[in-house]
Amino acid sequence: MNYTLKVTASFLLFTSLFVAHAQAACTQADAVQAFSTDKGVSTFCTRDAPNGCDFTARAPDAANPAEAGMSWIVNGKAKGSSAAAAMPLFGRVAQDCTLAATNVTLELSDGGDAADAAKMHKAIDAMTHKVMECIHEKKGQPASCACMYPEELASVKNAYEEVTARHPGWKARPVYYTQADDSGVTVSFEGIRTQLAMSCNSKPE
């Protein structure tokens, strides 16, 4: 009898855990919540959009590689007819209901965060300078020129890996910081990742 009760209790516990896990799936409302409460999105919708923002969520497009593995695709726009309304908002929400990517720029106010973004920008700037020299001297096309400077390319890769390890949320979004001279810089980590994924062994199109 005791053994039967233990088995029954274990089965009921397993069943309750399974049901709880099933209920924890990311819903459409959860996806909108994850996107709308993102720091960059909420800042835009409170500061730049006088009337706030509207959001909708749809299922990912199986034919679109960028949406593969996502749970929901969230779209938004500022209410009314202000200048902010011209900017479409979008985000890709992962299966665990975290925001995987967004086009909304995250403004950095923390000095340490800005220093990390500046480190990435410095590496990109050095690489860009070399590539522009290469193009100007007609040594090759942009894609092939980038591969002619392995030291600078390695610096970009190392900076990307180091900074995104500390800030994984930056991998698929642009970030903005202000320099000492009050000029602003935007760094697109998703764009950097895409460029780094290109093989230097392949011929440019």
N, C-alpha and C. Protein backbone atom coordinates (compact mmCIF):
# COMPACT_ATOMS: atom_id res chain seq x y z
N MET A 1 0.84 -1.20 0.00
CA MET A 1 0.00 0.00 0.00
C MET A 1 0.87 1.25 0.00
N ASN A 2 1.90 1.26 0.84
CA ASN A 2 2.76 2.43 0.91
C ASN A 2 3.47 2.66 -0.42
N TYR A 3 3.90 1.54 -1.06
CA TYR A 3 4.59 1.66 -2.34
C TYR A 3 3.66 2.25 -3.39
N THR A 4 2.41 1.78 -3.38
CA THR A 4 1.42 2.30 -4.34
C THR A 4 1.18 3.78 -4.12
N LEU A 5 1.08 4.18 -2.87
CA LEU A 5 0.84 5.59 -2.57
C LEU A 5 2.02 6.45 -3.03
N LYS A 6 3.25 5.91 -2.83
CA LYS A 6 4.44 6.65 -3.24
C LYS A 6 4.48 6.83 -4.75
N VAL A 7 4.15 5.73 -5.49
CA VAL A 7 4.14 5.80 -6.95
C VAL A 7 3.08 6.79 -7.43
N THR A 8 1.89 6.70 -6.78
CA THR A 8 0.80 7.61 -7.16
C THR A 8 1.19 9.06 -6.90
N ALA A 9 1.81 9.29 -5.75
CA ALA A 9 2.22 10.64 -5.40
C ALA A 9 3.27 11.17 -6.37
N SER A 10 4.21 10.28 -6.75
CA SER A 10 5.25 10.67 -7.69
C SER A 10 4.66 11.00 -9.05
N PHE A 11 3.67 10.19 -9.47
CA PHE A 11 3.02 10.41 -10.76
C PHE A 11 2.29 11.74 -10.76
N LEU A 12 1.57 12.01 -9.65
CA LEU A 12 0.84 13.27 -9.56
C LEU A 12 1.79 14.46 -9.57
N LEU A 13 2.94 14.32 -8.89
CA LEU A 13 3.91 15.39 -8.86
C LEU A 13 4.46 15.63 -10.25
N PHE A 14 4.80 14.54 -10.96
CA PHE A 14 5.31 14.66 -12.33
C PHE A 14 4.29 15.32 -13.23
N THR A 15 3.02 14.90 -13.08
CA THR A 15 1.94 15.46 -13.90
C THR A 15 1.78 16.95 -13.66
N SER A 16 1.83 17.33 -12.38
CA SER A 16 1.66 18.75 -12.05
C SER A 16 2.81 19.58 -12.61
N LEU A 17 4.04 19.02 -12.56
CA LEU A 17 5.19 19.74 -13.10
C LEU A 17 5.08 19.87 -14.61
N PHE A 18 4.59 18.81 -15.27
CA PHE A 18 4.44 18.84 -16.72
C PHE A 18 3.41 19.87 -17.12
N VAL A 19 2.29 19.90 -16.40
CA VAL A 19 1.23 20.86 -16.70
C VAL A 19 1.72 22.28 -16.48
N ALA A 20 2.47 22.48 -15.38
CA ALA A 20 2.99 23.81 -15.07
C ALA A 20 3.95 24.26 -16.17
N HIS A 21 4.78 23.30 -16.65
CA HIS A 21 5.72 23.63 -17.72
C HIS A 21 4.98 23.98 -19.00
N ALA A 22 3.92 23.22 -19.28
CA ALA A 22 3.15 23.48 -20.49
C ALA A 22 2.48 24.84 -20.43
N GLN A 23 2.03 25.22 -19.23
CA GLN A 23 1.35 26.50 -19.08
C GLN A 23 2.34 27.67 -19.15
N ALA A 24 3.65 27.35 -19.01
CA ALA A 24 4.65 28.40 -18.99
C ALA A 24 5.10 28.82 -20.39
N ALA A 25 4.48 28.22 -21.43
CA ALA A 25 4.84 28.56 -22.80
C ALA A 25 4.63 30.06 -23.03
N CYS A 26 5.45 30.62 -23.89
CA CYS A 26 5.39 32.05 -24.17
C CYS A 26 4.14 32.37 -24.98
N THR A 27 3.24 33.13 -24.41
CA THR A 27 2.01 33.50 -25.09
C THR A 27 2.21 34.79 -25.88
N GLN A 28 1.23 35.12 -26.68
CA GLN A 28 1.28 36.35 -27.46
C GLN A 28 1.39 37.57 -26.54
N ALA A 29 0.62 37.54 -25.46
CA ALA A 29 0.67 38.65 -24.50
C ALA A 29 2.03 38.73 -23.82
N ASP A 30 2.63 37.56 -23.54
CA ASP A 30 3.97 37.54 -22.92
C ASP A 30 5.00 38.17 -23.86
N ALA A 31 4.87 37.86 -25.15
CA ALA A 31 5.82 38.39 -26.14
C ALA A 31 5.73 39.91 -26.23
N VAL A 32 4.51 40.41 -26.25
CA VAL A 32 4.31 41.86 -26.30
C VAL A 32 4.87 42.51 -25.03
N GLN A 33 4.67 41.84 -23.90
CA GLN A 33 5.20 42.35 -22.63
C GLN A 33 6.72 42.41 -22.65
N ALA A 34 7.36 41.34 -23.17
CA ALA A 34 8.82 41.29 -23.23
C ALA A 34 9.38 42.40 -24.11
N PHE A 35 8.68 42.68 -25.19
CA PHE A 35 9.15 43.72 -26.12
C PHE A 35 8.88 45.12 -25.58
N SER A 36 7.65 45.35 -25.12
CA SER A 36 7.26 46.70 -24.72
C SER A 36 7.97 47.18 -23.46
N THR A 37 8.44 46.25 -22.62
CA THR A 37 9.12 46.64 -21.38
C THR A 37 10.65 46.69 -21.55
N ASP A 38 11.14 46.36 -22.76
CA ASP A 38 12.57 46.53 -23.03
C ASP A 38 12.95 47.99 -22.80
N LYS A 39 14.13 48.22 -22.25
CA LYS A 39 14.53 49.59 -21.88
C LYS A 39 14.51 50.53 -23.07
N GLY A 40 15.04 50.08 -24.21
CA GLY A 40 15.07 50.94 -25.38
C GLY A 40 13.68 51.25 -25.92
N VAL A 41 12.83 50.23 -25.95
CA VAL A 41 11.47 50.40 -26.46
C VAL A 41 10.66 51.30 -25.54
N SER A 42 10.72 51.03 -24.24
CA SER A 42 9.93 51.82 -23.30
C SER A 42 10.40 53.28 -23.28
N THR A 43 11.70 53.50 -23.43
CA THR A 43 12.22 54.88 -23.49
C THR A 43 11.67 55.60 -24.71
N PHE A 44 11.70 54.92 -25.85
CA PHE A 44 11.18 55.52 -27.08
C PHE A 44 9.70 55.84 -26.95
N CYS A 45 8.94 54.91 -26.38
CA CYS A 45 7.48 55.09 -26.33
C CYS A 45 7.03 56.08 -25.27
N THR A 46 7.89 56.42 -24.34
CA THR A 46 7.53 57.42 -23.33
C THR A 46 8.13 58.78 -23.63
N ARG A 47 9.31 58.80 -24.23
CA ARG A 47 9.99 60.07 -24.49
C ARG A 47 9.70 60.61 -25.88
N ASP A 48 9.76 59.74 -26.88
CA ASP A 48 9.64 60.20 -28.27
C ASP A 48 8.23 60.09 -28.83
N ALA A 49 7.40 59.24 -28.25
CA ALA A 49 6.03 59.08 -28.74
C ALA A 49 5.07 59.68 -27.70
N PRO A 50 4.56 60.88 -27.94
CA PRO A 50 3.72 61.58 -26.96
C PRO A 50 2.50 60.78 -26.51
N ASN A 51 1.96 59.95 -27.41
CA ASN A 51 0.75 59.19 -27.08
C ASN A 51 1.02 57.72 -26.83
N GLY A 52 2.29 57.37 -26.65
CA GLY A 52 2.61 55.98 -26.40
C GLY A 52 2.70 55.17 -27.69
N CYS A 53 2.75 53.85 -27.56
CA CYS A 53 2.89 52.97 -28.71
C CYS A 53 1.83 51.87 -28.70
N ASP A 54 1.53 51.35 -29.88
CA ASP A 54 0.68 50.18 -30.03
C ASP A 54 1.55 49.02 -30.48
N PHE A 55 1.22 47.80 -30.01
CA PHE A 55 2.00 46.62 -30.35
C PHE A 55 1.11 45.49 -30.82
N THR A 56 1.60 44.70 -31.76
CA THR A 56 0.93 43.49 -32.20
C THR A 56 1.98 42.39 -32.31
N ALA A 57 1.55 41.14 -32.20
CA ALA A 57 2.48 40.01 -32.30
C ALA A 57 1.93 39.00 -33.29
N ARG A 58 2.81 38.39 -34.04
CA ARG A 58 2.42 37.36 -35.00
C ARG A 58 3.37 36.17 -34.89
N ALA A 59 2.95 35.06 -35.44
CA ALA A 59 3.79 33.87 -35.46
C ALA A 59 4.95 34.09 -36.43
N PRO A 60 6.11 33.50 -36.18
CA PRO A 60 7.25 33.68 -37.08
C PRO A 60 7.00 33.05 -38.45
N ASP A 61 7.64 33.59 -39.45
CA ASP A 61 7.55 33.09 -40.82
C ASP A 61 8.59 31.98 -41.01
N ALA A 62 8.12 30.77 -41.23
CA ALA A 62 9.03 29.62 -41.35
C ALA A 62 9.98 29.77 -42.53
N ALA A 63 9.61 30.55 -43.53
CA ALA A 63 10.45 30.72 -44.71
C ALA A 63 11.53 31.79 -44.52
N ASN A 64 11.47 32.50 -43.41
CA ASN A 64 12.44 33.57 -43.14
C ASN A 64 13.49 33.07 -42.15
N PRO A 65 14.75 32.89 -42.58
CA PRO A 65 15.80 32.38 -41.68
C PRO A 65 15.99 33.23 -40.43
N ALA A 66 15.76 34.54 -40.55
CA ALA A 66 15.95 35.43 -39.41
C ALA A 66 14.93 35.18 -38.30
N GLU A 67 13.81 34.54 -38.66
CA GLU A 67 12.76 34.28 -37.68
C GLU A 67 12.76 32.84 -37.20
N ALA A 68 13.68 32.03 -37.70
CA ALA A 68 13.75 30.62 -37.32
C ALA A 68 14.02 30.48 -35.82
N GLY A 69 13.30 29.60 -35.17
CA GLY A 69 13.50 29.35 -33.75
C GLY A 69 12.86 30.36 -32.83
N MET A 70 12.22 31.37 -33.40
CA MET A 70 11.57 32.38 -32.57
C MET A 70 10.18 31.92 -32.15
N SER A 71 9.68 32.54 -31.10
CA SER A 71 8.35 32.25 -30.62
C SER A 71 7.32 33.21 -31.22
N TRP A 72 7.65 34.50 -31.22
CA TRP A 72 6.76 35.52 -31.77
C TRP A 72 7.57 36.63 -32.41
N ILE A 73 6.95 37.32 -33.36
CA ILE A 73 7.51 38.52 -33.96
C ILE A 73 6.59 39.66 -33.55
N VAL A 74 7.13 40.64 -32.85
CA VAL A 74 6.33 41.75 -32.34
C VAL A 74 6.59 43.00 -33.18
N ASN A 75 5.53 43.65 -33.58
CA ASN A 75 5.64 44.91 -34.32
C ASN A 75 4.96 46.01 -33.51
N GLY A 76 5.46 47.22 -33.66
CA GLY A 76 4.87 48.34 -32.93
C GLY A 76 5.04 49.64 -33.67
N LYS A 77 4.31 50.63 -33.25
CA LYS A 77 4.45 51.97 -33.81
C LYS A 77 3.90 52.98 -32.83
N ALA A 78 4.40 54.19 -32.94
CA ALA A 78 3.92 55.26 -32.07
C ALA A 78 2.50 55.63 -32.47
N LYS A 79 1.68 55.93 -31.48
CA LYS A 79 0.31 56.35 -31.75
C LYS A 79 0.31 57.79 -32.29
N GLY A 80 -0.71 58.13 -33.05
CA GLY A 80 -0.85 59.49 -33.54
C GLY A 80 -0.06 59.74 -34.81
N SER A 81 0.16 61.01 -35.09
CA SER A 81 0.81 61.40 -36.33
C SER A 81 2.10 62.17 -36.09
N SER A 82 2.75 61.91 -34.97
CA SER A 82 4.01 62.60 -34.67
C SER A 82 5.13 62.04 -35.55
N ALA A 83 6.27 62.70 -35.53
CA ALA A 83 7.42 62.24 -36.33
C ALA A 83 7.83 60.83 -35.91
N ALA A 84 7.66 60.51 -34.64
CA ALA A 84 8.04 59.19 -34.14
C ALA A 84 7.21 58.08 -34.78
N ALA A 85 6.00 58.43 -35.23
CA ALA A 85 5.11 57.42 -35.82
C ALA A 85 5.66 56.88 -37.13
N ALA A 86 6.62 57.59 -37.72
CA ALA A 86 7.19 57.13 -38.99
C ALA A 86 8.19 56.00 -38.79
N MET A 87 8.61 55.77 -37.55
CA MET A 87 9.59 54.73 -37.28
C MET A 87 8.90 53.44 -36.88
N PRO A 88 8.98 52.40 -37.71
CA PRO A 88 8.39 51.11 -37.32
C PRO A 88 9.26 50.43 -36.27
N LEU A 89 8.64 49.77 -35.33
CA LEU A 89 9.36 49.04 -34.30
C LEU A 89 9.16 47.55 -34.54
N PHE A 90 10.20 46.75 -34.32
CA PHE A 90 10.00 45.32 -34.39
C PHE A 90 10.93 44.61 -33.42
N GLY A 91 10.54 43.42 -33.04
CA GLY A 91 11.37 42.61 -32.17
C GLY A 91 11.12 41.14 -32.41
N ARG A 92 12.16 40.33 -32.24
CA ARG A 92 12.01 38.88 -32.32
C ARG A 92 12.11 38.32 -30.91
N VAL A 93 11.07 37.58 -30.50
CA VAL A 93 11.01 37.04 -29.14
C VAL A 93 11.29 35.54 -29.19
N ALA A 94 12.25 35.09 -28.40
CA ALA A 94 12.68 33.70 -28.41
C ALA A 94 11.68 32.79 -27.70
N GLN A 95 11.96 31.48 -27.77
CA GLN A 95 11.06 30.49 -27.18
C GLN A 95 10.94 30.66 -25.66
N ASP A 96 12.01 31.16 -25.02
CA ASP A 96 11.96 31.35 -23.58
C ASP A 96 11.36 32.71 -23.21
N CYS A 97 10.79 33.38 -24.21
CA CYS A 97 10.08 34.65 -24.02
C CYS A 97 11.01 35.83 -23.71
N THR A 98 12.27 35.71 -24.06
CA THR A 98 13.19 36.84 -23.93
C THR A 98 13.32 37.51 -25.28
N LEU A 99 13.61 38.80 -25.26
CA LEU A 99 13.75 39.56 -26.50
C LEU A 99 15.08 39.18 -27.15
N ALA A 100 15.01 38.58 -28.35
CA ALA A 100 16.21 38.09 -29.03
C ALA A 100 16.81 39.15 -29.95
N ALA A 101 15.99 40.04 -30.46
CA ALA A 101 16.49 41.08 -31.36
C ALA A 101 15.46 42.19 -31.48
N THR A 102 15.94 43.40 -31.71
CA THR A 102 15.06 44.54 -31.93
C THR A 102 15.80 45.60 -32.72
N ASN A 103 15.05 46.40 -33.46
CA ASN A 103 15.67 47.50 -34.20
C ASN A 103 15.72 48.79 -33.38
N VAL A 104 15.23 48.74 -32.15
CA VAL A 104 15.17 49.95 -31.32
C VAL A 104 16.52 50.16 -30.63
N THR A 105 17.11 51.32 -30.85
CA THR A 105 18.43 51.63 -30.29
C THR A 105 18.36 51.76 -28.77
N LEU A 106 19.35 51.16 -28.11
CA LEU A 106 19.46 51.27 -26.65
C LEU A 106 20.47 52.37 -26.32
N GLU A 107 20.02 53.42 -25.65
CA GLU A 107 20.91 54.50 -25.26
C GLU A 107 21.60 54.14 -23.95
N LEU A 108 22.92 54.23 -23.93
CA LEU A 108 23.71 53.85 -22.77
C LEU A 108 23.97 55.06 -21.88
N SER A 109 23.62 54.93 -20.63
CA SER A 109 23.85 56.01 -19.68
C SER A 109 24.94 55.67 -18.68
N ASP A 110 25.20 54.38 -18.49
CA ASP A 110 26.24 53.94 -17.56
C ASP A 110 27.62 54.10 -18.19
N GLY A 111 28.54 54.66 -17.44
CA GLY A 111 29.89 54.91 -17.96
C GLY A 111 30.61 53.64 -18.38
N GLY A 112 30.43 52.57 -17.61
CA GLY A 112 31.07 51.30 -17.95
C GLY A 112 30.51 50.71 -19.23
N ASP A 113 29.21 50.83 -19.41
CA ASP A 113 28.58 50.35 -20.64
C ASP A 113 29.09 51.13 -21.85
N ALA A 114 29.16 52.44 -21.68
CA ALA A 114 29.65 53.29 -22.77
C ALA A 114 31.09 52.95 -23.12
N ALA A 115 31.90 52.63 -22.12
CA ALA A 115 33.30 52.26 -22.36
C ALA A 115 33.39 50.96 -23.16
N ASP A 116 32.50 50.03 -22.86
CA ASP A 116 32.48 48.77 -23.61
C ASP A 116 32.09 49.01 -25.07
N ALA A 117 31.08 49.84 -25.28
CA ALA A 117 30.66 50.16 -26.64
C ALA A 117 31.78 50.90 -27.38
N ALA A 118 32.48 51.77 -26.67
CA ALA A 118 33.58 52.53 -27.27
C ALA A 118 34.72 51.59 -27.67
N LYS A 119 34.93 50.55 -26.91
CA LYS A 119 35.98 49.58 -27.25
C LYS A 119 35.65 48.90 -28.58
N MET A 120 34.38 48.56 -28.75
CA MET A 120 33.95 47.94 -30.00
C MET A 120 34.09 48.93 -31.15
N HIS A 121 33.69 50.16 -30.91
CA HIS A 121 33.76 51.19 -31.94
C HIS A 121 35.20 51.45 -32.35
N LYS A 122 36.12 51.46 -31.40
CA LYS A 122 37.53 51.71 -31.68
C LYS A 122 38.09 50.64 -32.60
N ALA A 123 37.74 49.38 -32.32
CA ALA A 123 38.22 48.27 -33.15
C ALA A 123 37.65 48.36 -34.56
N ILE A 124 36.39 48.70 -34.67
CA ILE A 124 35.74 48.84 -35.98
C ILE A 124 36.34 50.01 -36.75
N ASP A 125 36.60 51.10 -36.03
CA ASP A 125 37.15 52.31 -36.65
C ASP A 125 38.53 52.03 -37.25
N ALA A 126 39.36 51.29 -36.52
CA ALA A 126 40.70 50.95 -37.00
C ALA A 126 40.60 50.06 -38.24
N MET A 127 39.68 49.12 -38.22
CA MET A 127 39.48 48.22 -39.35
C MET A 127 38.97 48.99 -40.57
N THR A 128 38.02 49.88 -40.34
CA THR A 128 37.45 50.67 -41.42
C THR A 128 38.51 51.55 -42.09
N HIS A 129 39.39 52.11 -41.27
CA HIS A 129 40.46 52.97 -41.81
C HIS A 129 41.34 52.17 -42.77
N LYS A 130 41.69 50.95 -42.38
CA LYS A 130 42.53 50.10 -43.24
C LYS A 130 41.79 49.73 -44.53
N VAL A 131 40.53 49.39 -44.41
CA VAL A 131 39.74 48.98 -45.58
C VAL A 131 39.59 50.15 -46.55
N MET A 132 39.36 51.35 -46.03
CA MET A 132 39.21 52.52 -46.90
C MET A 132 40.52 52.83 -47.63
N GLU A 133 41.66 52.64 -46.96
CA GLU A 133 42.96 52.82 -47.61
C GLU A 133 43.12 51.82 -48.75
N CYS A 134 42.73 50.59 -48.48
CA CYS A 134 42.82 49.52 -49.47
C CYS A 134 41.97 49.84 -50.70
N ILE A 135 40.75 50.30 -50.46
CA ILE A 135 39.84 50.63 -51.57
C ILE A 135 40.38 51.82 -52.35
N HIS A 136 40.87 52.83 -51.62
CA HIS A 136 41.39 54.04 -52.26
C HIS A 136 42.59 53.71 -53.16
N GLU A 137 43.42 52.77 -52.69
CA GLU A 137 44.59 52.37 -53.46
C GLU A 137 44.27 51.30 -54.49
N LYS A 138 42.99 50.96 -54.60
CA LYS A 138 42.49 49.99 -55.59
C LYS A 138 43.15 48.62 -55.47
N LYS A 139 43.34 48.21 -54.22
CA LYS A 139 43.92 46.88 -53.98
C LYS A 139 42.86 45.78 -54.02
N GLY A 140 41.60 46.18 -53.90
CA GLY A 140 40.55 45.18 -53.93
C GLY A 140 39.20 45.79 -53.59
N GLN A 141 38.18 44.93 -53.57
CA GLN A 141 36.84 45.34 -53.18
C GLN A 141 36.72 45.33 -51.66
N PRO A 142 35.69 45.97 -51.09
CA PRO A 142 35.56 46.03 -49.63
C PRO A 142 35.68 44.68 -48.92
N ALA A 143 35.01 43.64 -49.45
CA ALA A 143 35.03 42.34 -48.79
C ALA A 143 36.43 41.74 -48.77
N SER A 144 37.15 41.85 -49.91
CA SER A 144 38.50 41.28 -49.98
C SER A 144 39.49 42.14 -49.20
N CYS A 145 39.26 43.44 -49.18
CA CYS A 145 40.15 44.34 -48.43
C CYS A 145 40.13 44.02 -46.94
N ALA A 146 38.95 43.71 -46.43
CA ALA A 146 38.82 43.41 -45.00
C ALA A 146 39.68 42.21 -44.61
N CYS A 147 39.83 41.28 -45.54
CA CYS A 147 40.59 40.06 -45.26
C CYS A 147 42.10 40.26 -45.40
N MET A 148 42.52 41.41 -45.86
CA MET A 148 43.95 41.68 -46.03
C MET A 148 44.61 42.15 -44.74
N TYR A 149 43.81 42.37 -43.71
CA TYR A 149 44.34 42.90 -42.45
C TYR A 149 43.93 41.99 -41.29
N PRO A 150 44.56 40.82 -41.18
CA PRO A 150 44.17 39.84 -40.16
C PRO A 150 44.31 40.34 -38.73
N GLU A 151 45.29 41.21 -38.49
CA GLU A 151 45.48 41.73 -37.13
C GLU A 151 44.31 42.60 -36.70
N GLU A 152 43.90 43.50 -37.58
CA GLU A 152 42.76 44.37 -37.26
C GLU A 152 41.47 43.57 -37.19
N LEU A 153 41.34 42.58 -38.09
CA LEU A 153 40.15 41.74 -38.09
C LEU A 153 40.05 40.94 -36.80
N ALA A 154 41.19 40.44 -36.32
CA ALA A 154 41.22 39.70 -35.06
C ALA A 154 40.83 40.61 -33.89
N SER A 155 41.25 41.86 -33.96
CA SER A 155 40.90 42.82 -32.89
C SER A 155 39.40 43.05 -32.84
N VAL A 156 38.77 43.13 -34.04
CA VAL A 156 37.31 43.29 -34.09
C VAL A 156 36.62 42.06 -33.50
N LYS A 157 37.08 40.88 -33.88
CA LYS A 157 36.49 39.64 -33.36
C LYS A 157 36.64 39.55 -31.85
N ASN A 158 37.83 39.86 -31.35
CA ASN A 158 38.08 39.78 -29.91
C ASN A 158 37.22 40.79 -29.15
N ALA A 159 37.11 42.00 -29.68
CA ALA A 159 36.30 43.02 -29.02
C ALA A 159 34.83 42.61 -29.01
N TYR A 160 34.36 42.07 -30.13
CA TYR A 160 32.97 41.62 -30.21
C TYR A 160 32.69 40.53 -29.18
N GLU A 161 33.54 39.53 -29.12
CA GLU A 161 33.34 38.43 -28.18
C GLU A 161 33.40 38.90 -26.73
N GLU A 162 34.35 39.78 -26.44
CA GLU A 162 34.51 40.27 -25.07
C GLU A 162 33.31 41.12 -24.63
N VAL A 163 32.91 42.04 -25.50
CA VAL A 163 31.82 42.95 -25.13
C VAL A 163 30.48 42.23 -25.06
N THR A 164 30.19 41.36 -26.03
CA THR A 164 28.91 40.66 -26.01
C THR A 164 28.84 39.60 -24.91
N ALA A 165 30.00 39.15 -24.44
CA ALA A 165 30.00 38.22 -23.29
C ALA A 165 29.50 38.95 -22.05
N ARG A 166 29.85 40.23 -21.95
CA ARG A 166 29.39 41.03 -20.80
C ARG A 166 27.97 41.56 -21.02
N HIS A 167 27.61 41.76 -22.30
CA HIS A 167 26.30 42.33 -22.62
C HIS A 167 25.62 41.48 -23.71
N PRO A 168 25.17 40.29 -23.39
CA PRO A 168 24.56 39.43 -24.41
C PRO A 168 23.35 40.05 -25.09
N GLY A 169 22.67 40.96 -24.40
CA GLY A 169 21.51 41.62 -24.97
C GLY A 169 21.84 42.58 -26.10
N TRP A 170 23.12 42.89 -26.26
CA TRP A 170 23.53 43.80 -27.33
C TRP A 170 23.74 43.08 -28.66
N LYS A 171 23.76 41.77 -28.66
CA LYS A 171 24.12 41.01 -29.86
C LYS A 171 23.25 41.33 -31.07
N ALA A 172 22.00 41.62 -30.82
CA ALA A 172 21.08 41.81 -31.95
C ALA A 172 20.37 43.15 -31.89
N ARG A 173 21.11 44.17 -31.49
CA ARG A 173 20.48 45.49 -31.44
C ARG A 173 21.54 46.59 -31.53
N PRO A 174 21.17 47.78 -32.00
CA PRO A 174 22.11 48.90 -31.99
C PRO A 174 22.15 49.56 -30.61
N VAL A 175 23.32 50.03 -30.22
CA VAL A 175 23.46 50.76 -28.96
C VAL A 175 24.06 52.13 -29.27
N TYR A 176 23.75 53.10 -28.44
CA TYR A 176 24.17 54.49 -28.67
C TYR A 176 24.82 55.02 -27.40
N TYR A 177 25.95 55.70 -27.57
CA TYR A 177 26.59 56.33 -26.41
C TYR A 177 27.13 57.69 -26.81
N THR A 178 27.35 58.54 -25.82
CA THR A 178 27.86 59.89 -26.06
C THR A 178 29.33 59.95 -25.68
N GLN A 179 30.15 60.51 -26.58
CA GLN A 179 31.58 60.63 -26.32
C GLN A 179 31.87 61.88 -25.48
N ALA A 180 33.14 62.02 -25.11
CA ALA A 180 33.54 63.15 -24.25
C ALA A 180 33.27 64.49 -24.90
N ASP A 181 33.30 64.55 -26.23
CA ASP A 181 33.06 65.82 -26.93
C ASP A 181 31.57 66.03 -27.23
N ASP A 182 30.73 65.20 -26.60
CA ASP A 182 29.26 65.27 -26.74
C ASP A 182 28.74 64.76 -28.08
N SER A 183 29.62 64.25 -28.92
CA SER A 183 29.15 63.63 -30.16
C SER A 183 28.64 62.22 -29.86
N GLY A 184 27.65 61.79 -30.63
CA GLY A 184 27.06 60.49 -30.38
C GLY A 184 27.56 59.44 -31.35
N VAL A 185 27.63 58.20 -30.89
CA VAL A 185 28.08 57.08 -31.71
C VAL A 185 27.08 55.93 -31.56
N THR A 186 26.67 55.36 -32.69
CA THR A 186 25.80 54.18 -32.67
C THR A 186 26.60 52.98 -33.17
N VAL A 187 26.54 51.89 -32.42
CA VAL A 187 27.24 50.66 -32.79
C VAL A 187 26.21 49.56 -33.00
N SER A 188 26.23 48.95 -34.19
CA SER A 188 25.30 47.86 -34.49
C SER A 188 26.02 46.53 -34.34
N PHE A 189 25.75 45.84 -33.25
CA PHE A 189 26.41 44.56 -33.00
C PHE A 189 25.89 43.47 -33.94
N GLU A 190 24.64 43.58 -34.33
CA GLU A 190 24.10 42.60 -35.27
C GLU A 190 24.81 42.74 -36.62
N GLY A 191 25.06 43.98 -37.04
CA GLY A 191 25.78 44.20 -38.29
C GLY A 191 27.20 43.68 -38.21
N ILE A 192 27.85 43.88 -37.07
CA ILE A 192 29.22 43.39 -36.89
C ILE A 192 29.24 41.87 -36.94
N ARG A 193 28.26 41.24 -36.27
CA ARG A 193 28.18 39.78 -36.27
C ARG A 193 28.02 39.25 -37.69
N THR A 194 27.18 39.92 -38.48
CA THR A 194 26.95 39.49 -39.86
C THR A 194 28.23 39.59 -40.67
N GLN A 195 28.97 40.67 -40.49
CA GLN A 195 30.22 40.84 -41.23
C GLN A 195 31.27 39.81 -40.81
N LEU A 196 31.33 39.52 -39.52
CA LEU A 196 32.31 38.55 -39.04
C LEU A 196 31.99 37.13 -39.52
N ALA A 197 30.72 36.89 -39.82
CA ALA A 197 30.30 35.56 -40.27
C ALA A 197 30.72 35.29 -41.71
N MET A 198 31.09 36.33 -42.43
CA MET A 198 31.53 36.17 -43.82
C MET A 198 32.92 35.57 -43.85
N SER A 199 33.09 34.54 -44.65
CA SER A 199 34.38 33.84 -44.72
C SER A 199 35.36 34.60 -45.61
N CYS A 200 36.58 34.76 -45.15
CA CYS A 200 37.60 35.42 -45.95
C CYS A 200 38.13 34.50 -47.05
N ASN A 201 37.74 33.22 -46.99
CA ASN A 201 38.18 32.28 -48.01
C ASN A 201 37.24 32.27 -49.22
N SER A 202 36.06 32.90 -49.05
CA SER A 202 35.10 32.90 -50.16
C SER A 202 35.35 34.11 -51.06
N LYS A 203 35.06 33.97 -52.32
CA LYS A 203 35.23 35.06 -53.26
C LYS A 203 34.09 36.05 -53.15
N PRO A 204 34.36 37.35 -53.07
CA PRO A 204 33.28 38.33 -52.99
C PRO A 204 32.45 38.32 -54.27
N GLU A 205 31.15 38.57 -54.10
CA GLU A 205 30.28 38.57 -55.28
C GLU A 205 30.51 39.83 -56.10
